[in-house]
Amino acid sequence: MSQPTSELAWKLADYRAAGAEPPARCVSHPDLTEGEMMTAEEVEEFIKDYMATLRILADKQSRRYETVLATYKADLAYLVEVGSLGQDDYNDLTHESNIRF
């Protein structure tokens, strides 16, 4: 299995190459990634939404749980890389006790 990549690291060209609908702000700023343009509030909402999704997948014992979890970790790592999330927050958010429901 290939290493999961962060969709937050995609630029406009990446969305187009994947045949995916790009966020409007990526169209307006094709040289920036979604992760680079997120506000602190958007990062917080993003994390809450992901956690809710992971809980639902875990409750349903979905086979997709591990794949979604890997993407979540890749997205958070990218947010650390661009300075939108601190390393300590990343460590807390990806700690086993916080992602196993």
N, C-alpha and C. Protein backbone atom coordinates (compact mmCIF):
# COMPACT_ATOMS: atom_id res chain seq x y z
N MET A 1 0.84 -1.18 0.00
CA MET A 1 0.00 0.00 0.00
C MET A 1 0.89 1.24 0.00
N SER A 2 0.54 2.23 -0.79
CA SER A 2 1.35 3.43 -0.85
C SER A 2 1.09 4.32 0.37
N GLN A 3 2.04 5.17 0.64
CA GLN A 3 1.95 6.10 1.76
C GLN A 3 0.81 7.08 1.51
N PRO A 4 -0.08 7.29 2.47
CA PRO A 4 -1.17 8.24 2.26
C PRO A 4 -0.61 9.65 2.10
N THR A 5 -1.27 10.41 1.27
CA THR A 5 -0.87 11.79 1.10
C THR A 5 -1.95 12.70 1.63
N SER A 6 -1.55 13.88 1.98
CA SER A 6 -2.48 14.86 2.50
C SER A 6 -3.18 15.58 1.36
N GLU A 7 -4.50 15.54 1.37
CA GLU A 7 -5.24 16.32 0.39
C GLU A 7 -5.09 17.81 0.67
N LEU A 8 -4.77 18.17 1.90
CA LEU A 8 -4.56 19.58 2.22
C LEU A 8 -3.29 20.11 1.56
N ALA A 9 -2.45 19.22 1.06
CA ALA A 9 -1.20 19.62 0.39
C ALA A 9 -1.40 19.79 -1.11
N TRP A 10 -2.62 19.55 -1.60
CA TRP A 10 -2.88 19.66 -3.03
C TRP A 10 -3.01 21.09 -3.48
N LYS A 11 -2.40 21.37 -4.62
CA LYS A 11 -2.60 22.65 -5.31
C LYS A 11 -3.63 22.41 -6.41
N LEU A 12 -4.02 23.46 -7.09
CA LEU A 12 -5.03 23.36 -8.13
C LEU A 12 -4.69 22.26 -9.14
N ALA A 13 -3.45 22.21 -9.57
CA ALA A 13 -3.04 21.21 -10.56
C ALA A 13 -3.25 19.78 -10.05
N ASP A 14 -3.08 19.56 -8.76
CA ASP A 14 -3.28 18.23 -8.18
C ASP A 14 -4.75 17.82 -8.25
N TYR A 15 -5.64 18.76 -7.93
CA TYR A 15 -7.08 18.47 -8.03
C TYR A 15 -7.45 18.12 -9.46
N ARG A 16 -6.94 18.91 -10.39
CA ARG A 16 -7.26 18.67 -11.80
C ARG A 16 -6.70 17.33 -12.27
N ALA A 17 -5.49 17.00 -11.86
CA ALA A 17 -4.88 15.73 -12.25
C ALA A 17 -5.67 14.54 -11.70
N ALA A 18 -6.27 14.72 -10.53
CA ALA A 18 -7.05 13.66 -9.90
C ALA A 18 -8.50 13.63 -10.40
N GLY A 19 -8.86 14.63 -11.19
CA GLY A 19 -10.24 14.71 -11.67
C GLY A 19 -11.21 15.07 -10.57
N ALA A 20 -10.72 15.77 -9.56
CA ALA A 20 -11.54 16.16 -8.41
C ALA A 20 -11.89 17.64 -8.49
N GLU A 21 -13.01 17.99 -7.93
CA GLU A 21 -13.45 19.38 -7.89
C GLU A 21 -12.59 20.14 -6.87
N PRO A 22 -11.87 21.17 -7.32
CA PRO A 22 -11.03 21.91 -6.38
C PRO A 22 -11.85 22.91 -5.56
N PRO A 23 -11.41 23.19 -4.34
CA PRO A 23 -12.05 24.25 -3.57
C PRO A 23 -11.90 25.58 -4.31
N ALA A 24 -12.88 26.45 -4.16
CA ALA A 24 -12.87 27.73 -4.87
C ALA A 24 -11.60 28.53 -4.60
N ARG A 25 -11.12 28.50 -3.39
CA ARG A 25 -9.93 29.31 -3.10
C ARG A 25 -8.67 28.74 -3.75
N CYS A 26 -8.67 27.46 -4.07
CA CYS A 26 -7.53 26.90 -4.82
C CYS A 26 -7.57 27.36 -6.27
N VAL A 27 -8.77 27.57 -6.79
CA VAL A 27 -8.91 28.11 -8.14
C VAL A 27 -8.41 29.55 -8.16
N SER A 28 -8.75 30.31 -7.12
CA SER A 28 -8.33 31.71 -7.02
C SER A 28 -6.84 31.87 -6.74
N HIS A 29 -6.27 30.89 -6.07
CA HIS A 29 -4.84 30.92 -5.68
C HIS A 29 -4.20 29.60 -6.07
N PRO A 30 -3.96 29.36 -7.35
CA PRO A 30 -3.50 28.05 -7.82
C PRO A 30 -2.13 27.61 -7.31
N ASP A 31 -1.33 28.53 -6.81
CA ASP A 31 0.00 28.16 -6.32
C ASP A 31 0.03 27.87 -4.81
N LEU A 32 -1.13 27.98 -4.16
CA LEU A 32 -1.22 27.68 -2.73
C LEU A 32 -2.02 26.41 -2.52
N THR A 33 -1.76 25.76 -1.39
CA THR A 33 -2.53 24.57 -1.03
C THR A 33 -3.68 24.95 -0.11
N GLU A 34 -4.63 24.05 -0.02
CA GLU A 34 -5.75 24.26 0.90
C GLU A 34 -5.22 24.45 2.33
N GLY A 35 -4.27 23.63 2.73
CA GLY A 35 -3.71 23.72 4.07
C GLY A 35 -3.03 25.05 4.35
N GLU A 36 -2.38 25.61 3.35
CA GLU A 36 -1.71 26.90 3.53
C GLU A 36 -2.71 28.04 3.71
N MET A 37 -3.91 27.88 3.18
CA MET A 37 -4.90 28.95 3.22
C MET A 37 -5.88 28.84 4.38
N MET A 38 -5.83 27.74 5.14
CA MET A 38 -6.79 27.55 6.23
C MET A 38 -6.50 28.48 7.40
N THR A 39 -7.58 29.04 7.95
CA THR A 39 -7.47 29.85 9.17
C THR A 39 -7.41 28.92 10.37
N ALA A 40 -7.06 29.47 11.52
CA ALA A 40 -7.03 28.66 12.75
C ALA A 40 -8.40 28.06 13.03
N GLU A 41 -9.45 28.82 12.79
CA GLU A 41 -10.81 28.33 13.00
C GLU A 41 -11.14 27.18 12.04
N GLU A 42 -10.69 27.30 10.81
CA GLU A 42 -10.92 26.23 9.83
C GLU A 42 -10.16 24.97 10.20
N VAL A 43 -8.95 25.12 10.71
CA VAL A 43 -8.17 23.96 11.15
C VAL A 43 -8.90 23.26 12.30
N GLU A 44 -9.41 24.03 13.24
CA GLU A 44 -10.14 23.46 14.37
C GLU A 44 -11.39 22.72 13.89
N GLU A 45 -12.13 23.32 12.99
CA GLU A 45 -13.34 22.69 12.46
C GLU A 45 -13.00 21.43 11.67
N PHE A 46 -11.92 21.49 10.91
CA PHE A 46 -11.43 20.35 10.14
C PHE A 46 -11.16 19.17 11.06
N ILE A 47 -10.47 19.42 12.17
CA ILE A 47 -10.13 18.37 13.13
C ILE A 47 -11.40 17.80 13.76
N LYS A 48 -12.33 18.66 14.16
CA LYS A 48 -13.59 18.18 14.75
C LYS A 48 -14.35 17.30 13.77
N ASP A 49 -14.42 17.71 12.51
CA ASP A 49 -15.13 16.93 11.50
C ASP A 49 -14.47 15.58 11.29
N TYR A 50 -13.15 15.57 11.22
CA TYR A 50 -12.43 14.31 11.03
C TYR A 50 -12.65 13.38 12.22
N MET A 51 -12.60 13.92 13.42
CA MET A 51 -12.80 13.09 14.61
C MET A 51 -14.20 12.48 14.61
N ALA A 52 -15.20 13.25 14.22
CA ALA A 52 -16.57 12.74 14.14
C ALA A 52 -16.65 11.61 13.12
N THR A 53 -16.01 11.80 11.98
CA THR A 53 -16.00 10.77 10.94
C THR A 53 -15.32 9.51 11.45
N LEU A 54 -14.19 9.66 12.11
CA LEU A 54 -13.48 8.50 12.64
C LEU A 54 -14.33 7.75 13.67
N ARG A 55 -15.04 8.49 14.53
CA ARG A 55 -15.90 7.85 15.52
C ARG A 55 -17.00 7.03 14.85
N ILE A 56 -17.62 7.61 13.82
CA ILE A 56 -18.68 6.90 13.11
C ILE A 56 -18.13 5.63 12.45
N LEU A 57 -16.98 5.76 11.79
CA LEU A 57 -16.38 4.59 11.14
C LEU A 57 -16.01 3.52 12.16
N ALA A 58 -15.50 3.94 13.31
CA ALA A 58 -15.14 2.98 14.35
C ALA A 58 -16.40 2.30 14.90
N ASP A 59 -17.46 3.06 15.13
CA ASP A 59 -18.71 2.49 15.64
C ASP A 59 -19.28 1.46 14.68
N LYS A 60 -19.15 1.72 13.40
CA LYS A 60 -19.68 0.80 12.38
C LYS A 60 -18.68 -0.30 12.04
N GLN A 61 -17.52 -0.27 12.68
CA GLN A 61 -16.44 -1.21 12.40
C GLN A 61 -16.14 -1.27 10.89
N SER A 62 -16.09 -0.08 10.32
CA SER A 62 -15.85 0.05 8.88
C SER A 62 -14.42 -0.33 8.52
N ARG A 63 -14.29 -0.98 7.37
CA ARG A 63 -12.96 -1.31 6.86
C ARG A 63 -12.23 -0.05 6.42
N ARG A 64 -12.93 1.03 6.19
CA ARG A 64 -12.32 2.29 5.76
C ARG A 64 -11.64 3.05 6.91
N TYR A 65 -11.88 2.65 8.14
CA TYR A 65 -11.35 3.37 9.29
C TYR A 65 -9.84 3.60 9.18
N GLU A 66 -9.07 2.56 8.94
CA GLU A 66 -7.61 2.68 8.91
C GLU A 66 -7.14 3.60 7.78
N THR A 67 -7.81 3.54 6.62
CA THR A 67 -7.45 4.40 5.50
C THR A 67 -7.73 5.86 5.82
N VAL A 68 -8.89 6.12 6.40
CA VAL A 68 -9.26 7.49 6.77
C VAL A 68 -8.34 7.99 7.87
N LEU A 69 -8.01 7.14 8.81
CA LEU A 69 -7.08 7.52 9.88
C LEU A 69 -5.71 7.88 9.32
N ALA A 70 -5.22 7.12 8.37
CA ALA A 70 -3.91 7.41 7.77
C ALA A 70 -3.94 8.76 7.04
N THR A 71 -5.03 9.05 6.36
CA THR A 71 -5.15 10.34 5.67
C THR A 71 -5.23 11.48 6.69
N TYR A 72 -5.96 11.26 7.77
CA TYR A 72 -6.06 12.25 8.86
C TYR A 72 -4.67 12.58 9.41
N LYS A 73 -3.88 11.55 9.67
CA LYS A 73 -2.53 11.78 10.18
C LYS A 73 -1.67 12.52 9.16
N ALA A 74 -1.80 12.18 7.88
CA ALA A 74 -1.04 12.87 6.84
C ALA A 74 -1.47 14.34 6.74
N ASP A 75 -2.77 14.59 6.84
CA ASP A 75 -3.26 15.98 6.80
C ASP A 75 -2.73 16.77 7.99
N LEU A 76 -2.76 16.18 9.17
CA LEU A 76 -2.25 16.88 10.36
C LEU A 76 -0.75 17.12 10.24
N ALA A 77 -0.01 16.16 9.72
CA ALA A 77 1.44 16.33 9.53
C ALA A 77 1.70 17.49 8.57
N TYR A 78 0.88 17.59 7.53
CA TYR A 78 1.05 18.70 6.59
C TYR A 78 0.74 20.03 7.27
N LEU A 79 -0.27 20.07 8.11
CA LEU A 79 -0.59 21.32 8.84
C LEU A 79 0.56 21.72 9.76
N VAL A 80 1.25 20.75 10.33
CA VAL A 80 2.45 21.05 11.13
C VAL A 80 3.53 21.63 10.21
N GLU A 81 3.71 21.01 9.06
CA GLU A 81 4.73 21.45 8.10
C GLU A 81 4.54 22.90 7.67
N VAL A 82 3.29 23.32 7.47
CA VAL A 82 3.03 24.70 7.02
C VAL A 82 2.83 25.67 8.18
N GLY A 83 2.97 25.18 9.42
CA GLY A 83 2.89 26.05 10.58
C GLY A 83 1.49 26.36 11.07
N SER A 84 0.50 25.58 10.63
CA SER A 84 -0.88 25.81 11.06
C SER A 84 -1.27 24.97 12.27
N LEU A 85 -0.37 24.08 12.68
CA LEU A 85 -0.60 23.22 13.83
C LEU A 85 0.73 22.97 14.49
N GLY A 86 0.75 23.01 15.81
CA GLY A 86 1.99 22.77 16.54
C GLY A 86 2.30 21.28 16.66
N GLN A 87 3.56 20.96 16.83
CA GLN A 87 3.97 19.56 16.96
C GLN A 87 3.32 18.90 18.17
N ASP A 88 3.22 19.62 19.29
CA ASP A 88 2.58 19.05 20.48
C ASP A 88 1.12 18.73 20.22
N ASP A 89 0.43 19.62 19.49
CA ASP A 89 -0.97 19.37 19.15
C ASP A 89 -1.07 18.14 18.25
N TYR A 90 -0.17 18.04 17.29
CA TYR A 90 -0.15 16.86 16.40
C TYR A 90 0.02 15.59 17.24
N ASN A 91 0.98 15.62 18.16
CA ASN A 91 1.24 14.44 19.00
C ASN A 91 0.00 14.06 19.80
N ASP A 92 -0.67 15.06 20.38
CA ASP A 92 -1.88 14.80 21.15
C ASP A 92 -3.00 14.25 20.27
N LEU A 93 -3.20 14.87 19.12
CA LEU A 93 -4.31 14.49 18.24
C LEU A 93 -4.13 13.12 17.59
N THR A 94 -2.90 12.67 17.48
CA THR A 94 -2.65 11.37 16.86
C THR A 94 -2.27 10.28 17.88
N HIS A 95 -2.27 10.64 19.15
CA HIS A 95 -1.96 9.65 20.19
C HIS A 95 -3.04 8.56 20.19
N GLU A 96 -2.62 7.34 20.34
CA GLU A 96 -3.53 6.19 20.30
C GLU A 96 -4.76 6.37 21.18
N SER A 97 -4.58 6.94 22.36
CA SER A 97 -5.72 7.07 23.29
C SER A 97 -6.75 8.08 22.77
N ASN A 98 -6.37 8.93 21.83
CA ASN A 98 -7.30 9.93 21.32
C ASN A 98 -7.93 9.54 19.98
N ILE A 99 -7.48 8.44 19.40
CA ILE A 99 -8.05 8.06 18.10
C ILE A 99 -8.63 6.65 18.07
N ARG A 100 -8.62 5.99 19.17
CA ARG A 100 -9.25 4.67 19.27
C ARG A 100 -10.52 4.82 20.11
N PHE A 101 -11.63 4.52 19.51
CA PHE A 101 -12.91 4.77 20.15
C PHE A 101 -13.56 3.48 20.60
